Amino acid sequence: MKISKRNFLLAVPIAVISLEIYLGVVIGYIGALVLAGKETGKEGIVRSLKFDLGRYRFHLHHWVLGLGVIPLAVHYNFAFFSDQLVVGIMGGLAFQGIACYKDWHKVLFRVK
């Protein structure tokens, strides 16, 4: 996957606000590019979490996980890392998941 100029320029305001958040976003975005599937529907090095719920399947995308960790990082102020770095990493992970996949919004769907 190629990083577009538009996506790169979106990070400039973040860098002005906080260098730690900016570095975290870059780490999270690139990490997701490397570890997640290369395109919609393909499995990457780290497999997606999918749960069957009767006739439905719940797909826990990595962007959902990233957005879920952000409030925890802010609330509990993780002791091992700067909370801003963790928020940035999770934000970059979420941004990559939404920006790079066509099915990012399909979380719950019927199994055939």
N, C-alpha and C. Protein backbone atom coordinates (compact mmCIF):
# COMPACT_ATOMS: atom_id res chain seq x y z
N MET A 1 0.83 -1.18 0.00
CA MET A 1 0.00 0.00 0.00
C MET A 1 0.87 1.24 0.00
N LYS A 2 0.44 2.19 -0.76
CA LYS A 2 1.18 3.44 -0.86
C LYS A 2 0.54 4.48 0.07
N ILE A 3 1.35 5.23 0.77
CA ILE A 3 0.86 6.29 1.64
C ILE A 3 0.64 7.52 0.76
N SER A 4 -0.61 7.97 0.70
CA SER A 4 -0.92 9.10 -0.16
C SER A 4 -0.44 10.41 0.44
N LYS A 5 -0.23 11.39 -0.42
CA LYS A 5 0.20 12.71 0.02
C LYS A 5 -0.85 13.34 0.94
N ARG A 6 -2.13 13.11 0.64
CA ARG A 6 -3.22 13.65 1.46
C ARG A 6 -3.16 13.09 2.88
N ASN A 7 -2.97 11.77 3.02
CA ASN A 7 -2.87 11.16 4.35
C ASN A 7 -1.65 11.68 5.10
N PHE A 8 -0.56 11.86 4.38
CA PHE A 8 0.65 12.37 5.02
C PHE A 8 0.44 13.79 5.52
N LEU A 9 -0.20 14.63 4.73
CA LEU A 9 -0.41 16.02 5.11
C LEU A 9 -1.41 16.17 6.26
N LEU A 10 -2.29 15.20 6.45
CA LEU A 10 -3.22 15.23 7.58
C LEU A 10 -2.47 15.13 8.91
N ALA A 11 -1.28 14.57 8.90
CA ALA A 11 -0.52 14.38 10.12
C ALA A 11 0.20 15.65 10.57
N VAL A 12 0.35 16.63 9.70
CA VAL A 12 1.09 17.85 10.06
C VAL A 12 0.47 18.58 11.25
N PRO A 13 -0.85 18.80 11.31
CA PRO A 13 -1.41 19.47 12.49
C PRO A 13 -1.18 18.69 13.78
N ILE A 14 -1.16 17.36 13.68
CA ILE A 14 -0.90 16.55 14.87
C ILE A 14 0.52 16.79 15.37
N ALA A 15 1.46 16.90 14.45
CA ALA A 15 2.86 17.13 14.84
C ALA A 15 3.03 18.46 15.55
N VAL A 16 2.24 19.44 15.17
CA VAL A 16 2.32 20.75 15.81
C VAL A 16 1.79 20.67 17.24
N ILE A 17 0.76 19.87 17.46
CA ILE A 17 0.15 19.74 18.79
C ILE A 17 1.07 18.97 19.73
N SER A 18 1.55 17.80 19.29
CA SER A 18 2.38 16.95 20.16
C SER A 18 3.27 16.06 19.31
N LEU A 19 4.55 16.09 19.58
CA LEU A 19 5.49 15.24 18.86
C LEU A 19 5.28 13.78 19.23
N GLU A 20 4.94 13.51 20.49
CA GLU A 20 4.71 12.12 20.92
C GLU A 20 3.50 11.52 20.21
N ILE A 21 2.42 12.28 20.11
CA ILE A 21 1.24 11.79 19.41
C ILE A 21 1.58 11.56 17.94
N TYR A 22 2.29 12.49 17.33
CA TYR A 22 2.67 12.35 15.93
C TYR A 22 3.50 11.09 15.70
N LEU A 23 4.51 10.87 16.53
CA LEU A 23 5.34 9.67 16.39
C LEU A 23 4.50 8.41 16.61
N GLY A 24 3.57 8.47 17.55
CA GLY A 24 2.69 7.34 17.79
C GLY A 24 1.81 7.05 16.59
N VAL A 25 1.26 8.09 15.97
CA VAL A 25 0.42 7.90 14.79
C VAL A 25 1.23 7.26 13.67
N VAL A 26 2.44 7.73 13.46
CA VAL A 26 3.30 7.16 12.41
C VAL A 26 3.60 5.69 12.71
N ILE A 27 3.95 5.39 13.95
CA ILE A 27 4.24 4.00 14.35
C ILE A 27 3.00 3.13 14.17
N GLY A 28 1.84 3.60 14.62
CA GLY A 28 0.61 2.83 14.51
C GLY A 28 0.19 2.60 13.07
N TYR A 29 0.29 3.64 12.25
CA TYR A 29 -0.11 3.54 10.84
C TYR A 29 0.80 2.56 10.09
N ILE A 30 2.10 2.73 10.24
CA ILE A 30 3.05 1.85 9.54
C ILE A 30 2.96 0.43 10.08
N GLY A 31 2.81 0.30 11.40
CA GLY A 31 2.65 -1.03 12.00
C GLY A 31 1.43 -1.75 11.45
N ALA A 32 0.32 -1.04 11.30
CA ALA A 32 -0.89 -1.64 10.74
C ALA A 32 -0.70 -2.00 9.28
N LEU A 33 0.02 -1.15 8.53
CA LEU A 33 0.29 -1.47 7.12
C LEU A 33 1.07 -2.78 7.00
N VAL A 34 2.01 -2.99 7.90
CA VAL A 34 2.85 -4.18 7.84
C VAL A 34 2.11 -5.42 8.35
N LEU A 35 1.36 -5.28 9.45
CA LEU A 35 0.77 -6.45 10.10
C LEU A 35 -0.62 -6.83 9.62
N ALA A 36 -1.38 -5.88 9.11
CA ALA A 36 -2.75 -6.16 8.67
C ALA A 36 -2.74 -6.64 7.21
N GLY A 37 -3.91 -7.08 6.75
CA GLY A 37 -4.04 -7.54 5.37
C GLY A 37 -3.71 -6.44 4.38
N LYS A 38 -3.15 -6.80 3.26
CA LYS A 38 -2.72 -5.82 2.27
C LYS A 38 -3.88 -5.17 1.53
N GLU A 39 -5.04 -5.83 1.51
CA GLU A 39 -6.21 -5.27 0.86
C GLU A 39 -7.46 -5.85 1.51
N THR A 40 -8.59 -5.29 1.19
CA THR A 40 -9.86 -5.71 1.76
C THR A 40 -10.08 -7.21 1.55
N GLY A 41 -10.39 -7.91 2.64
CA GLY A 41 -10.68 -9.34 2.55
C GLY A 41 -9.48 -10.26 2.70
N LYS A 42 -8.29 -9.72 2.70
CA LYS A 42 -7.07 -10.54 2.83
C LYS A 42 -6.61 -10.54 4.29
N GLU A 43 -6.14 -11.68 4.75
CA GLU A 43 -5.60 -11.79 6.10
C GLU A 43 -4.14 -11.36 6.09
N GLY A 44 -3.73 -10.70 7.14
CA GLY A 44 -2.34 -10.27 7.27
C GLY A 44 -1.59 -11.17 8.22
N ILE A 45 -0.47 -10.69 8.71
CA ILE A 45 0.33 -11.44 9.68
C ILE A 45 -0.49 -11.64 10.96
N VAL A 46 -1.17 -10.58 11.40
CA VAL A 46 -2.06 -10.68 12.56
C VAL A 46 -3.46 -10.86 12.02
N ARG A 47 -4.09 -11.96 12.40
CA ARG A 47 -5.42 -12.29 11.89
C ARG A 47 -6.50 -11.45 12.58
N SER A 48 -7.58 -11.22 11.86
CA SER A 48 -8.71 -10.48 12.39
C SER A 48 -9.46 -11.33 13.42
N LEU A 49 -10.08 -10.65 14.37
CA LEU A 49 -10.91 -11.33 15.37
C LEU A 49 -12.34 -11.37 14.85
N LYS A 50 -12.86 -12.58 14.69
CA LYS A 50 -14.23 -12.76 14.20
C LYS A 50 -14.93 -13.72 15.14
N PHE A 51 -16.16 -13.36 15.51
CA PHE A 51 -16.95 -14.17 16.42
C PHE A 51 -18.29 -14.47 15.77
N ASP A 52 -18.71 -15.73 15.81
CA ASP A 52 -20.02 -16.09 15.31
C ASP A 52 -21.04 -15.92 16.42
N LEU A 53 -22.12 -15.22 16.10
CA LEU A 53 -23.21 -14.98 17.03
C LEU A 53 -24.50 -15.47 16.37
N GLY A 54 -24.75 -16.76 16.45
CA GLY A 54 -25.91 -17.33 15.77
C GLY A 54 -25.72 -17.26 14.27
N ARG A 55 -26.64 -16.58 13.59
CA ARG A 55 -26.55 -16.44 12.13
C ARG A 55 -25.73 -15.22 11.72
N TYR A 56 -25.13 -14.57 12.66
CA TYR A 56 -24.36 -13.35 12.38
C TYR A 56 -22.90 -13.54 12.76
N ARG A 57 -22.06 -12.77 12.13
CA ARG A 57 -20.63 -12.78 12.45
C ARG A 57 -20.23 -11.36 12.84
N PHE A 58 -19.54 -11.25 13.97
CA PHE A 58 -19.04 -9.98 14.48
C PHE A 58 -17.57 -9.90 14.14
N HIS A 59 -17.19 -8.91 13.33
CA HIS A 59 -15.79 -8.73 12.91
C HIS A 59 -15.22 -7.56 13.68
N LEU A 60 -14.32 -7.86 14.58
CA LEU A 60 -13.69 -6.84 15.40
C LEU A 60 -12.47 -6.31 14.66
N HIS A 61 -12.69 -5.30 13.82
CA HIS A 61 -11.62 -4.71 13.03
C HIS A 61 -10.56 -4.08 13.94
N HIS A 62 -9.34 -3.95 13.43
CA HIS A 62 -8.27 -3.38 14.25
C HIS A 62 -8.52 -1.91 14.56
N TRP A 63 -9.29 -1.21 13.74
CA TRP A 63 -9.59 0.19 14.04
C TRP A 63 -10.52 0.29 15.24
N VAL A 64 -11.41 -0.71 15.41
CA VAL A 64 -12.30 -0.72 16.58
C VAL A 64 -11.48 -0.94 17.84
N LEU A 65 -10.52 -1.86 17.78
CA LEU A 65 -9.65 -2.10 18.93
C LEU A 65 -8.83 -0.86 19.28
N GLY A 66 -8.30 -0.20 18.26
CA GLY A 66 -7.51 1.01 18.48
C GLY A 66 -8.31 2.10 19.15
N LEU A 67 -9.52 2.33 18.65
CA LEU A 67 -10.38 3.36 19.25
C LEU A 67 -10.83 2.98 20.65
N GLY A 68 -10.94 1.69 20.92
CA GLY A 68 -11.33 1.23 22.25
C GLY A 68 -10.23 1.42 23.29
N VAL A 69 -8.98 1.34 22.88
CA VAL A 69 -7.86 1.48 23.81
C VAL A 69 -7.59 2.94 24.16
N ILE A 70 -7.92 3.87 23.26
CA ILE A 70 -7.63 5.28 23.50
C ILE A 70 -8.23 5.79 24.82
N PRO A 71 -9.52 5.57 25.10
CA PRO A 71 -10.06 6.06 26.38
C PRO A 71 -9.41 5.39 27.59
N LEU A 72 -9.05 4.12 27.43
CA LEU A 72 -8.36 3.43 28.53
C LEU A 72 -7.00 4.05 28.79
N ALA A 73 -6.27 4.36 27.72
CA ALA A 73 -4.95 4.97 27.87
C ALA A 73 -5.05 6.33 28.55
N VAL A 74 -6.05 7.10 28.19
CA VAL A 74 -6.21 8.42 28.78
C VAL A 74 -6.65 8.31 30.23
N HIS A 75 -7.61 7.42 30.49
CA HIS A 75 -8.15 7.29 31.85
C HIS A 75 -7.14 6.71 32.84
N TYR A 76 -6.49 5.63 32.44
CA TYR A 76 -5.58 4.95 33.36
C TYR A 76 -4.14 5.44 33.27
N ASN A 77 -3.82 6.29 32.30
CA ASN A 77 -2.48 6.84 32.14
C ASN A 77 -1.44 5.72 32.24
N PHE A 78 -1.39 4.89 31.20
CA PHE A 78 -0.51 3.71 31.20
C PHE A 78 0.86 4.01 31.78
N ALA A 79 1.33 3.14 32.66
CA ALA A 79 2.56 3.38 33.40
C ALA A 79 3.80 3.11 32.56
N PHE A 80 3.74 2.20 31.61
CA PHE A 80 4.94 1.81 30.88
C PHE A 80 5.27 2.73 29.72
N PHE A 81 4.29 3.37 29.16
CA PHE A 81 4.49 4.26 28.03
C PHE A 81 3.82 5.59 28.32
N SER A 82 4.25 6.59 27.63
CA SER A 82 3.56 7.86 27.71
C SER A 82 2.15 7.67 27.16
N ASP A 83 1.17 8.19 27.85
CA ASP A 83 -0.20 8.04 27.36
C ASP A 83 -0.39 8.71 26.00
N GLN A 84 0.33 9.78 25.72
CA GLN A 84 0.23 10.43 24.41
C GLN A 84 0.76 9.53 23.30
N LEU A 85 1.82 8.81 23.57
CA LEU A 85 2.37 7.88 22.57
C LEU A 85 1.37 6.76 22.30
N VAL A 86 0.78 6.20 23.35
CA VAL A 86 -0.20 5.13 23.20
C VAL A 86 -1.42 5.63 22.42
N VAL A 87 -1.91 6.82 22.76
CA VAL A 87 -3.04 7.40 22.05
C VAL A 87 -2.68 7.59 20.58
N GLY A 88 -1.48 8.05 20.29
CA GLY A 88 -1.04 8.21 18.91
C GLY A 88 -0.97 6.89 18.16
N ILE A 89 -0.40 5.87 18.78
CA ILE A 89 -0.31 4.55 18.14
C ILE A 89 -1.69 4.01 17.82
N MET A 90 -2.59 4.09 18.79
CA MET A 90 -3.94 3.58 18.57
C MET A 90 -4.69 4.42 17.54
N GLY A 91 -4.45 5.73 17.52
CA GLY A 91 -5.05 6.59 16.52
C GLY A 91 -4.55 6.27 15.12
N GLY A 92 -3.24 6.02 14.98
CA GLY A 92 -2.68 5.63 13.69
C GLY A 92 -3.21 4.30 13.21
N LEU A 93 -3.37 3.38 14.14
CA LEU A 93 -3.95 2.07 13.84
C LEU A 93 -5.38 2.22 13.35
N ALA A 94 -6.16 3.04 14.04
CA ALA A 94 -7.55 3.26 13.65
C ALA A 94 -7.63 3.98 12.30
N PHE A 95 -6.81 4.98 12.10
CA PHE A 95 -6.83 5.73 10.84
C PHE A 95 -6.50 4.83 9.66
N GLN A 96 -5.50 3.97 9.81
CA GLN A 96 -5.13 3.06 8.73
C GLN A 96 -6.28 2.10 8.43
N GLY A 97 -6.93 1.60 9.46
CA GLY A 97 -8.03 0.66 9.26
C GLY A 97 -9.21 1.28 8.53
N ILE A 98 -9.48 2.54 8.80
CA ILE A 98 -10.60 3.21 8.15
C ILE A 98 -10.22 3.72 6.75
N ALA A 99 -9.01 4.23 6.61
CA ALA A 99 -8.60 4.85 5.35
C ALA A 99 -8.23 3.84 4.25
N CYS A 100 -7.82 2.65 4.63
CA CYS A 100 -7.25 1.74 3.63
C CYS A 100 -8.16 0.57 3.23
N TYR A 101 -9.30 0.41 3.87
CA TYR A 101 -10.15 -0.75 3.56
C TYR A 101 -11.56 -0.30 3.19
N LYS A 102 -12.12 -0.97 2.18
CA LYS A 102 -13.47 -0.63 1.73
C LYS A 102 -14.54 -1.14 2.70
N ASP A 103 -14.25 -2.20 3.43
CA ASP A 103 -15.25 -2.80 4.33
C ASP A 103 -15.07 -2.39 5.78
N TRP A 104 -14.45 -1.28 6.05
CA TRP A 104 -14.15 -0.88 7.42
C TRP A 104 -15.41 -0.75 8.27
N HIS A 105 -16.53 -0.42 7.65
CA HIS A 105 -17.77 -0.19 8.39
C HIS A 105 -18.57 -1.47 8.63
N LYS A 106 -18.19 -2.58 8.04
CA LYS A 106 -18.92 -3.84 8.19
C LYS A 106 -18.41 -4.57 9.43
N VAL A 107 -19.12 -4.36 10.52
CA VAL A 107 -18.72 -4.96 11.79
C VAL A 107 -19.59 -6.17 12.11
N LEU A 108 -20.87 -6.09 11.83
CA LEU A 108 -21.81 -7.19 12.07
C LEU A 108 -22.52 -7.51 10.77
N PHE A 109 -22.42 -8.77 10.32
CA PHE A 109 -23.07 -9.15 9.08
C PHE A 109 -23.57 -10.58 9.16
N ARG A 110 -24.55 -10.87 8.32
CA ARG A 110 -25.18 -12.19 8.30
C ARG A 110 -24.26 -13.21 7.61
N VAL A 111 -24.13 -14.39 8.23
CA VAL A 111 -23.34 -15.48 7.66
C VAL A 111 -24.23 -16.24 6.70
N LYS A 112 -23.72 -16.57 5.53
CA LYS A 112 -24.50 -17.27 4.51
C LYS A 112 -24.52 -18.74 4.75
